[in-house]
Each structure stands twice: as C-alpha cells, then as structure tokens.
Amino acid sequence: MLTTILTRLRHALQTSASEDPAKKPDNAVLDATLRQARTVQPPPVVWLLGKTQSGKTSIIRSLTGSLDAQIGNGFQSCTRTARFYDHPADVPVVRFLDTQGLGEVDYDPSEDLAFCESQAQLIIAVVKVSDSLQDAVFDVLRAVRRRHPDWPVIVAQTCLHEVYPAGSGHMLPYPFTIPGWEQFVFPDLARTLLFQQNLLGTLPGNGSVFWVPVDLTKPEDEIQPQDYGLEALWDAIQRASRIGLDARLRDETRQTDPFSQAAHQQIVGYAMASAAMGALPLVDLAALPAIQIKMLHKLGEMANFSWDKRRIAEFSALLGPGIVTGYGLRMAGRSVIKMIPILGQTGGAAYGAASGAALTFAFGKAACFYMHQKAQGAPVSAGEVRRVFTDAVRKGRELMQSFRKKDSG
C-alpha cells in the first residue's frame, strides 16, 4: 500500500513541475474531487438578511478580504431571489446566503426565506442606519425566532457616516461597546440607532441579540478607518455562533495584509477538503498529494510565485529528512522521493482524515513562509521552515478538531 502511495506521490510531484502541459495534473479530475469533498463536508452558511443596498456585500468583503469584483462574479442564484457566495470559490470555508427583494412590491418571500432558514447556521441582519423602514427585515427575524427561539441574531447597523454632522469623521476609539454610549456619540446617530433597536423590540425566544454599529467603506470613499466597527462585528460573531468563522477566515497572527488572510483561507479550505476526502469511499487516498500540489500552485499564483523544479526541490530539501523521521516516513538518498517528505507523510497520514488535514494545513503554512522569505530576498533556513511546519501541524490538528466538534455540537 505504502509503495503504491509513494509511487503516485512521486508522479504527482514530478508532473507538477513539468513544463509539458500533457503531464500536468488533471485539473478537471481534481476539481471534481474537491466538489465531491465539499458535498461530504459542506461549509457553514451565514445568512445575510437585509434590503438591497443595505451593506451586505461590504460585510462579506470585510470579513473575507475579497475584492468587490470577485464577490460580484462569485454570487450564484439558488432560489428566485436568494443567492449564495462560496468563499474561497474552489475550496469554500464559508457560504454566504443573501436574500434580496425584501419589502419590494408584489414579492412574497416566504418560499425563499424558508430555504434560507433551512440552510443557515448564523443570521446577520443588515440594516442601513439612515433607513427607518425596516419592517420587512424585522418581521422575518420575529418569524424565525418564533420557530427557533434559541437562535442568536446579529443586527449590523451600517453606513453610520450618512447621519454624521457635516465634516465629521468616525468617533475614536469605537464607543459602542461602552455602557452609556448614547451619551458619547453624535445625537442624530444615537437617535437613529436607538430607533431601530426600539422598532425591532424584544424578539421571541431566549436567543441573544447583538447590535453592532459598523461602517465598512472602500478606499475611494476616503473615510478612515475603512473597517470601522469590524472588530466588534467579529466579537459578536464569536459570541453568537459555533461555526468557527473567525478561525476559518483569519489566521492566528491576525495579520491584516490581503495575502496572509487570503492564503490562510485557501489553506484551511484545502485542509478541510483533505479531511472530507477521508469520508469518500470512492476516492483513492493517494489523491491527497494531488490536492496538496494544487494548493501549492494556488498559493504560488496568489503570490505571483512560480513553483518550478528548482524551487520545489529547494523547498522539499528545507523540509528535510527530520520531518520525514518525525512523522514516520523514512526516506534517504538523492532521489526525487527525498523531495516529497511532506507529501509522503500526508499520504501516509491519510489513514486518519484529521491527520491528513493537519498535514495539509502545515504544508500550506510552510510553503507560505518559504514564498514570503524568497519574495523578501531573505535567506531561508531549514530550521525555520521545519519550525513553521511543526507548529502548523499542531495548529492544524486543533483547528480541524474544533471544526469537527462544532459540526457535531
């Protein structure tokens, strides 16, 4: 069995660096495998409930770090007026469900709302603070809570600057987590925020309700900071849900640069796909290295980094036999096999889905560290690469275990 896996791993690695398109991995097959894994282990669903132009897309952009263009192209219809957005597209770690058309004439949203309600693990209602006509949104919240009295609800009150006095900017530090905040903010803003809270009133049931004023803008809006209230929204998400959205979308360092955030999401997505593959009876576990190679090239594409033969060989050598020994796959010599300790390990560890996922996670983190050092023109030591890998194995295992507990909880 091990010989078979290693043979396939070696082939996958060799072909991944080949200049011959005919020898490249079959992306169609890999994509089909990822889709199958997604079916087995679908991502959690965040239901964004609000009127058109209320700021739902801005919330998705801020939580994921995605560009508007990607979001616009990524939405797919799933009912008459509801649509979903998987993020990242190839290996989603979360699905946003957007309900459109609330409050429009001649539109009965009952069927669409029933579909959304059946899918959601978290509801974020999005209300523009300058729009006092929120009955359509609030009626849905009341109905949902009558059927699910313990469901928590987050209400994001958006576009705060629209009711600021002329020439005023955001109030800093963010005042809305301080008791008695009404006394510290612009009077018109306090009045509109409280009006909406009073309009909703007390929801049926005992689930928590979190009110979060936010103002998530684009650079061209020239309003600083662009992510006003975003940390408060993350805090509410953490308190309201069990889906681990924060761990799926933000890395442990909480770095805000777009590449680190996007790379983390890709790595988590591929790690989740690796875990899901363990539950696919018709998928050969030796397909795992092909998935990991696809992740490697995806990360390289995002970083404008080409994984040619020389770089693959260097990266593999930096991971080195110490990793091999540490994870029970002993290889030696100068053959190509020596270049694939992690891939080999992952194949071996695929007997346990969680271990395979953790190793995929570690492989991605180590690759990102390597690419970052090379981009900076900085030296890369084997000790540093192995430390990143080893730390990431632990982190990846904890992450996958937490997701599994949340899914079963």
Protein backbone atom coordinates (compact mmCIF):
# COMPACT_ATOMS: atom_id res chain seq x y z
CA MET A 1 0.00 0.00 0.00
CA LEU A 2 2.73 2.43 1.00
CA THR A 3 4.69 1.66 -2.14
CA THR A 4 1.65 2.41 -4.24
CA ILE A 5 1.05 5.70 -2.46
CA LEU A 6 4.66 6.76 -2.82
CA THR A 7 4.69 5.92 -6.48
CA ARG A 8 1.67 8.14 -7.04
CA LEU A 9 3.13 10.88 -4.87
CA ARG A 10 6.34 10.86 -6.85
CA HIS A 11 4.44 11.02 -10.10
CA ALA A 12 2.31 13.90 -8.83
CA LEU A 13 5.33 15.91 -7.75
CA GLN A 14 7.23 15.31 -10.96
CA THR A 15 4.35 16.23 -13.19
CA SER A 16 3.51 19.31 -11.14
CA ALA A 17 6.85 20.85 -12.07
CA SER A 18 6.81 19.62 -15.66
CA GLU A 19 6.84 22.09 -18.50
CA ASP A 20 4.84 19.68 -20.60
CA PRO A 21 1.14 20.57 -20.33
CA ALA A 22 0.26 16.97 -21.11
CA LYS A 23 1.96 15.91 -17.89
CA LYS A 24 0.28 18.44 -15.67
CA PRO A 25 -2.18 17.16 -13.07
CA ASP A 26 -5.67 16.72 -14.45
CA ASN A 27 -7.37 19.80 -13.03
CA ALA A 28 -10.79 18.60 -14.11
CA VAL A 29 -10.37 15.47 -12.01
CA LEU A 30 -9.02 17.46 -9.08
CA ASP A 31 -11.87 19.94 -9.28
CA ALA A 32 -14.39 17.10 -9.34
CA THR A 33 -12.73 15.61 -6.27
CA LEU A 34 -12.91 18.92 -4.45
CA ARG A 35 -16.58 19.29 -5.34
CA GLN A 36 -17.23 15.83 -4.01
CA ALA A 37 -15.38 16.63 -0.80
CA ARG A 38 -17.45 19.80 -0.45
CA THR A 39 -20.63 17.77 -0.74
CA VAL A 40 -19.49 15.43 2.00
CA GLN A 41 -18.45 18.26 4.29
CA PRO A 42 -20.30 21.44 3.24
CA PRO A 43 -19.16 24.78 4.63
CA PRO A 44 -21.24 26.56 7.27
CA VAL A 45 -23.82 29.04 6.00
CA VAL A 46 -24.05 32.66 7.13
CA TRP A 47 -27.42 34.15 6.18
CA LEU A 48 -27.23 37.87 5.40
CA LEU A 49 -30.72 39.25 5.75
CA GLY A 50 -31.39 42.79 4.60
CA LYS A 51 -32.74 45.10 1.95
CA THR A 52 -30.90 45.89 -1.26
CA GLN A 53 -28.02 48.34 -0.79
CA SER A 54 -28.01 47.82 2.97
CA GLY A 55 -24.31 46.94 3.07
CA LYS A 56 -24.33 43.13 2.88
CA THR A 57 -21.63 42.99 0.23
CA SER A 58 -19.44 45.31 2.29
CA ILE A 59 -19.71 42.91 5.21
CA ILE A 60 -18.66 39.98 3.03
CA ARG A 61 -15.78 42.00 1.65
CA SER A 62 -14.57 43.00 5.09
CA LEU A 63 -14.91 39.56 6.67
CA THR A 64 -13.21 37.75 3.81
CA GLY A 65 -10.90 40.39 2.42
CA SER A 66 -12.23 39.65 -1.07
CA LEU A 67 -12.29 42.30 -3.72
CA ASP A 68 -15.63 43.58 -4.89
CA ALA A 69 -15.07 42.20 -8.37
CA GLN A 70 -14.58 38.70 -7.04
CA ILE A 71 -17.69 38.94 -4.92
CA GLY A 72 -19.73 40.27 -7.80
CA ASN A 73 -18.66 37.45 -10.06
CA GLY A 74 -18.99 34.81 -7.38
CA PHE A 75 -22.66 35.10 -6.47
CA GLN A 76 -24.86 32.31 -7.78
CA SER A 77 -28.63 32.16 -7.67
CA CYS A 78 -30.17 29.39 -5.61
CA THR A 79 -33.84 30.46 -5.43
CA ARG A 80 -35.92 33.16 -7.07
CA THR A 81 -34.32 35.96 -5.11
CA ALA A 82 -31.75 34.32 -2.85
CA ARG A 83 -28.17 33.77 -3.95
CA PHE A 84 -25.05 32.33 -2.39
CA TYR A 85 -21.41 33.19 -2.42
CA ASP A 86 -18.86 30.50 -1.61
CA HIS A 87 -15.54 31.67 -0.27
CA PRO A 88 -12.92 30.81 -1.42
CA ALA A 89 -14.58 29.61 -4.60
CA ASP A 90 -12.62 26.36 -5.12
CA VAL A 91 -12.39 25.26 -1.51
CA PRO A 92 -15.02 27.22 0.45
CA VAL A 93 -14.68 27.59 4.19
CA VAL A 94 -17.94 29.54 4.44
CA ARG A 95 -21.05 30.13 2.33
CA PHE A 96 -22.81 33.48 2.48
CA LEU A 97 -26.51 33.39 1.67
CA ASP A 98 -28.02 36.67 0.56
CA THR A 99 -31.76 37.31 0.45
CA GLN A 100 -32.79 40.04 -1.96
CA GLY A 101 -36.03 41.86 -2.60
CA LEU A 102 -37.35 42.17 0.94
CA GLY A 103 -40.03 44.82 1.09
CA GLU A 104 -40.49 45.03 -2.69
CA VAL A 105 -43.97 45.25 -4.14
CA ASP A 106 -45.58 42.00 -5.42
CA TYR A 107 -42.92 39.83 -3.90
CA ASP A 108 -43.82 37.10 -1.43
CA PRO A 109 -40.51 35.95 0.06
CA SER A 110 -41.98 33.04 2.02
CA GLU A 111 -40.56 30.25 -0.12
CA ASP A 112 -37.12 31.82 -0.42
CA LEU A 113 -36.95 32.59 3.27
CA ALA A 114 -37.89 29.02 4.17
CA PHE A 115 -34.99 27.81 2.04
CA CYS A 116 -32.56 30.22 3.70
CA GLU A 117 -33.79 29.29 7.14
CA SER A 118 -33.18 25.62 6.41
CA GLN A 119 -29.58 26.32 5.43
CA ALA A 120 -28.33 28.88 7.93
CA GLN A 121 -26.06 28.37 10.92
CA LEU A 122 -25.82 32.10 11.65
CA ILE A 123 -28.09 35.08 10.86
CA ILE A 124 -26.71 38.57 10.38
CA ALA A 125 -29.43 41.11 9.72
CA VAL A 126 -28.07 44.16 7.91
CA VAL A 127 -29.91 47.45 8.31
CA LYS A 128 -28.79 50.79 6.96
CA VAL A 129 -28.89 53.24 9.82
CA SER A 130 -30.38 56.00 7.69
CA ASP A 131 -33.26 53.75 6.58
CA SER A 132 -36.03 53.71 9.17
CA LEU A 133 -38.28 51.41 7.11
CA GLN A 134 -37.05 48.03 8.31
CA ASP A 135 -40.35 46.25 8.96
CA ALA A 136 -39.75 43.67 6.21
CA VAL A 137 -36.44 42.63 7.75
CA PHE A 138 -37.61 42.70 11.33
CA ASP A 139 -40.78 40.72 10.52
CA VAL A 140 -38.56 37.93 9.19
CA LEU A 141 -36.43 37.98 12.34
CA ARG A 142 -39.53 37.69 14.52
CA ALA A 143 -40.86 34.81 12.45
CA VAL A 144 -37.55 32.97 12.53
CA ARG A 145 -37.22 33.38 16.26
CA ARG A 146 -40.74 32.07 16.85
CA ARG A 147 -39.67 28.87 15.09
CA HIS A 148 -36.15 28.83 16.55
CA PRO A 149 -36.34 30.60 19.91
CA ASP A 150 -32.74 29.81 20.85
CA TRP A 151 -31.13 31.10 17.65
CA PRO A 152 -28.82 34.06 18.27
CA VAL A 153 -29.20 37.06 15.95
CA ILE A 154 -26.68 39.71 14.98
CA VAL A 155 -28.02 43.04 13.73
CA ALA A 156 -25.37 45.07 11.89
CA GLN A 157 -26.34 48.75 11.65
CA THR A 158 -24.43 50.09 8.65
CA CYS A 159 -23.37 53.29 6.87
CA LEU A 160 -23.09 55.34 10.06
CA HIS A 161 -21.41 58.27 8.31
CA GLU A 162 -24.62 59.05 6.44
CA VAL A 163 -26.07 60.57 9.61
CA TYR A 164 -22.92 62.28 10.87
CA PRO A 165 -22.84 66.08 11.09
CA ALA A 166 -21.26 67.64 8.00
CA GLY A 167 -17.48 67.42 8.04
CA SER A 168 -17.35 64.93 10.90
CA GLY A 169 -15.44 61.66 10.93
CA HIS A 170 -15.73 58.48 12.94
CA MET A 171 -15.65 58.72 16.70
CA LEU A 172 -12.49 57.10 18.01
CA PRO A 173 -11.97 54.96 19.88
CA TYR A 174 -15.04 52.93 18.89
CA PRO A 175 -17.58 53.93 21.58
CA PHE A 176 -20.41 51.44 21.11
CA THR A 177 -19.09 48.78 23.47
CA ILE A 178 -19.05 51.22 26.38
CA PRO A 179 -22.14 51.29 28.64
CA GLY A 180 -23.99 54.56 28.11
CA TRP A 181 -22.52 55.02 24.62
CA GLU A 182 -25.58 57.08 23.70
CA GLN A 183 -24.08 59.99 25.59
CA PHE A 184 -20.80 59.92 23.66
CA VAL A 185 -21.91 59.82 20.05
CA PHE A 186 -23.49 62.34 17.69
CA PRO A 187 -27.11 62.95 18.81
CA ASP A 188 -28.63 62.17 15.41
CA LEU A 189 -26.66 58.93 15.23
CA ALA A 190 -27.72 57.88 18.71
CA ARG A 191 -31.34 58.66 17.88
CA THR A 192 -31.40 56.60 14.67
CA LEU A 193 -29.56 53.64 16.22
CA LEU A 194 -31.94 53.52 19.16
CA PHE A 195 -34.97 54.00 16.90
CA GLN A 196 -34.10 50.82 15.02
CA GLN A 197 -33.50 48.91 18.23
CA ASN A 198 -36.86 50.02 19.58
CA LEU A 199 -38.56 49.22 16.28
CA LEU A 200 -37.42 45.60 16.49
CA GLY A 201 -38.21 45.40 20.18
CA THR A 202 -37.83 42.13 22.03
CA LEU A 203 -37.62 39.07 19.83
CA PRO A 204 -39.47 35.89 20.78
CA GLY A 205 -37.41 33.23 22.49
CA ASN A 206 -34.31 33.34 24.61
CA GLY A 207 -31.57 33.59 21.99
CA SER A 208 -29.19 36.52 22.25
CA VAL A 209 -29.41 39.61 20.07
CA PHE A 210 -26.21 41.51 19.27
CA TRP A 211 -26.43 45.06 17.92
CA VAL A 212 -23.24 46.14 16.12
CA PRO A 213 -22.88 49.59 14.51
CA VAL A 214 -20.38 49.35 11.63
CA ASP A 215 -19.18 51.49 8.74
CA LEU A 216 -17.31 49.40 6.18
CA THR A 217 -16.21 51.57 3.28
CA LYS A 218 -13.98 51.48 0.22
CA PRO A 219 -10.68 53.38 -0.16
CA GLU A 220 -12.26 55.71 -2.69
CA ASP A 221 -14.81 56.79 -0.05
CA GLU A 222 -11.90 58.41 1.81
CA ILE A 223 -13.37 57.60 5.23
CA GLN A 224 -10.92 56.36 7.82
CA PRO A 225 -10.75 53.78 9.19
CA GLN A 226 -12.37 51.82 6.39
CA ASP A 227 -13.28 48.93 8.70
CA TYR A 228 -14.92 50.92 11.48
CA GLY A 229 -16.59 48.52 13.92
CA LEU A 230 -15.28 45.38 12.21
CA GLU A 231 -13.63 44.03 15.36
CA ALA A 232 -16.91 44.50 17.23
CA LEU A 233 -18.64 42.52 14.49
CA TRP A 234 -16.05 39.73 14.78
CA ASP A 235 -16.59 39.70 18.54
CA ALA A 236 -20.35 39.35 18.08
CA ILE A 237 -19.82 36.52 15.57
CA GLN A 238 -17.57 34.72 18.04
CA ARG A 239 -20.13 35.05 20.82
CA ALA A 240 -23.16 34.23 18.70
CA SER A 241 -22.03 31.24 16.71
CA ARG A 242 -20.29 27.90 16.95
CA ILE A 243 -19.12 27.71 13.36
CA GLY A 244 -15.60 28.98 14.00
CA LEU A 245 -15.86 31.63 11.31
CA ASP A 246 -13.00 33.60 12.78
CA ALA A 247 -10.61 30.64 12.61
CA ARG A 248 -11.70 29.87 9.06
CA LEU A 249 -11.11 33.39 7.74
CA ARG A 250 -8.34 34.87 9.90
CA ASP A 251 -5.00 33.34 10.74
CA GLU A 252 -3.66 33.06 14.25
CA THR A 253 -1.49 36.17 13.87
CA ARG A 254 -4.50 38.29 12.88
CA GLN A 255 -2.40 39.81 10.10
CA THR A 256 -4.42 42.18 8.01
CA ASP A 257 -2.42 42.12 4.80
CA PRO A 258 -4.55 40.71 1.99
CA PHE A 259 -2.20 37.88 1.02
CA SER A 260 -1.87 36.43 4.53
CA GLN A 261 -5.62 36.46 5.01
CA ALA A 262 -6.38 35.01 1.58
CA ALA A 263 -3.66 32.36 1.87
CA HIS A 264 -4.95 31.26 5.28
CA GLN A 265 -8.44 30.82 3.87
CA GLN A 266 -7.13 28.74 0.97
CA ILE A 267 -5.06 26.57 3.31
CA VAL A 268 -7.99 25.96 5.65
CA GLY A 269 -10.16 25.15 2.64
CA TYR A 270 -7.72 22.58 1.26
CA ALA A 271 -7.20 21.12 4.74
CA MET A 272 -10.97 20.73 5.12
CA ALA A 273 -11.13 19.10 1.69
CA SER A 274 -8.38 16.70 2.78
CA ALA A 275 -10.39 15.80 5.88
CA ALA A 276 -13.54 15.33 3.84
CA MET A 277 -11.76 13.02 1.42
CA GLY A 278 -11.29 10.56 4.24
CA ALA A 279 -15.04 10.07 4.16
CA LEU A 280 -15.26 9.50 0.41
CA PRO A 281 -15.44 5.75 -0.24
CA LEU A 282 -14.66 6.01 -3.93
CA VAL A 283 -11.73 8.41 -3.68
CA ASP A 284 -8.28 6.89 -3.55
CA LEU A 285 -6.41 8.38 -0.60
CA ALA A 286 -3.40 8.74 -2.84
CA ALA A 287 -5.30 11.64 -4.43
CA LEU A 288 -4.39 13.71 -1.38
CA PRO A 289 -0.95 14.71 -2.66
CA ALA A 290 -2.53 15.90 -5.88
CA ILE A 291 -4.85 18.11 -3.84
CA GLN A 292 -1.88 19.44 -1.90
CA ILE A 293 0.04 20.19 -5.07
CA LYS A 294 -2.99 22.06 -6.35
CA MET A 295 -2.92 24.08 -3.13
CA LEU A 296 0.78 24.75 -3.57
CA HIS A 297 0.27 26.16 -7.04
CA LYS A 298 -2.79 28.14 -5.97
CA LEU A 299 -0.77 29.81 -3.22
CA GLY A 300 2.01 30.49 -5.71
CA GLU A 301 -0.46 32.02 -8.16
CA MET A 302 -1.77 34.33 -5.45
CA ALA A 303 1.77 35.40 -4.52
CA ASN A 304 2.94 35.66 -8.13
CA PHE A 305 5.44 32.94 -7.30
CA SER A 306 6.32 30.21 -9.78
CA TRP A 307 6.92 26.74 -8.38
CA ASP A 308 9.47 25.47 -10.86
CA LYS A 309 11.61 22.37 -10.41
CA ARG A 310 14.39 24.25 -8.66
CA ARG A 311 12.11 25.85 -6.09
CA ILE A 312 10.20 22.64 -5.42
CA ALA A 313 13.49 20.85 -4.88
CA GLU A 314 14.76 23.58 -2.54
CA PHE A 315 11.55 23.74 -0.53
CA SER A 316 11.39 19.97 -0.19
CA ALA A 317 15.02 19.84 0.88
CA LEU A 318 14.40 22.52 3.53
CA LEU A 319 11.61 20.42 4.98
CA GLY A 320 14.13 17.65 5.03
CA PRO A 321 14.53 14.18 6.47
CA GLY A 322 13.92 15.44 10.00
CA ILE A 323 10.27 15.93 9.12
CA VAL A 324 10.26 12.56 7.47
CA THR A 325 11.61 10.88 10.57
CA GLY A 326 9.31 12.81 12.83
CA TYR A 327 6.24 11.61 11.04
CA GLY A 328 7.30 8.07 10.41
CA LEU A 329 8.09 8.09 6.72
CA ARG A 330 11.78 7.38 6.35
CA MET A 331 13.43 8.21 3.13
CA ALA A 332 17.02 8.83 2.20
CA GLY A 333 19.25 9.44 -0.77
CA ARG A 334 19.08 11.96 -3.53
CA SER A 335 16.19 10.62 -5.46
CA VAL A 336 13.04 12.51 -6.22
CA ILE A 337 11.37 10.63 -3.39
CA LYS A 338 13.52 12.57 -0.97
CA MET A 339 11.92 15.72 -2.25
CA ILE A 340 8.46 14.76 -1.07
CA PRO A 341 8.63 14.12 2.65
CA ILE A 342 5.56 16.15 3.46
CA LEU A 343 3.60 14.82 0.56
CA GLY A 344 4.63 11.34 1.51
CA GLN A 345 3.74 11.95 5.07
CA THR A 346 0.37 13.26 4.09
CA GLY A 347 -0.32 10.20 2.04
CA GLY A 348 0.68 8.01 4.94
CA ALA A 349 -1.31 10.04 7.41
CA ALA A 350 -4.34 9.92 5.20
CA TYR A 351 -5.38 6.85 7.05
CA GLY A 352 -6.73 9.36 9.53
CA ALA A 353 -8.61 12.23 7.93
CA ALA A 354 -7.80 14.67 10.72
CA SER A 355 -4.09 13.94 10.49
CA GLY A 356 -4.16 14.32 6.73
CA ALA A 357 -5.93 17.66 7.11
CA ALA A 358 -3.42 18.85 9.72
CA LEU A 359 -0.52 17.96 7.46
CA THR A 360 -2.12 19.72 4.52
CA PHE A 361 -2.52 22.77 6.75
CA ALA A 362 1.14 22.58 7.81
CA PHE A 363 2.32 22.07 4.25
CA GLY A 364 0.49 25.22 3.18
CA LYS A 365 1.81 27.31 6.06
CA ALA A 366 5.37 26.19 5.45
CA ALA A 367 5.02 26.95 1.74
CA CYS A 368 3.74 30.46 2.53
CA PHE A 369 6.68 31.08 4.83
CA TYR A 370 9.09 29.91 2.14
CA MET A 371 7.48 32.11 -0.52
CA HIS A 372 7.49 35.13 1.79
CA GLN A 373 11.18 34.75 2.56
CA LYS A 374 12.06 34.33 -1.11
CA ALA A 375 9.99 37.37 -2.06
CA GLN A 376 11.86 39.44 0.51
CA GLY A 377 15.18 38.17 -0.79
CA ALA A 378 15.84 36.84 2.70
CA PRO A 379 17.67 33.62 3.47
CA VAL A 380 15.55 30.60 4.31
CA SER A 381 16.90 28.14 6.81
CA ALA A 382 15.77 24.58 7.18
CA GLY A 383 15.30 25.13 10.91
CA GLU A 384 12.82 27.95 10.32
CA VAL A 385 10.84 26.03 7.71
CA ARG A 386 10.64 22.97 9.94
CA ARG A 387 9.61 25.07 12.94
CA VAL A 388 6.79 26.65 10.93
CA PHE A 389 5.74 23.23 9.71
CA THR A 390 5.82 21.61 13.14
CA ASP A 391 3.89 24.45 14.79
CA ALA A 392 1.35 24.36 11.99
CA VAL A 393 0.77 20.62 12.37
CA ARG A 394 -0.34 21.23 15.96
CA LYS A 395 -2.40 24.25 14.96
CA GLY A 396 -3.98 22.42 12.05
CA ARG A 397 -4.91 19.44 14.18
CA GLU A 398 -6.51 21.70 16.81
CA LEU A 399 -8.34 23.61 14.13
CA MET A 400 -9.78 20.52 12.46
CA GLN A 401 -10.79 19.06 15.82
CA SER A 402 -12.57 22.30 16.74
CA PHE A 403 -14.45 22.29 13.43
CA ARG A 404 -15.49 18.68 13.98
CA LYS A 405 -16.79 19.46 17.47
CA LYS A 406 -18.73 22.47 16.20
CA ASP A 407 -20.22 20.41 13.37
CA SER A 408 -21.34 17.72 15.77
CA GLY A 409 -22.38 20.12 18.56
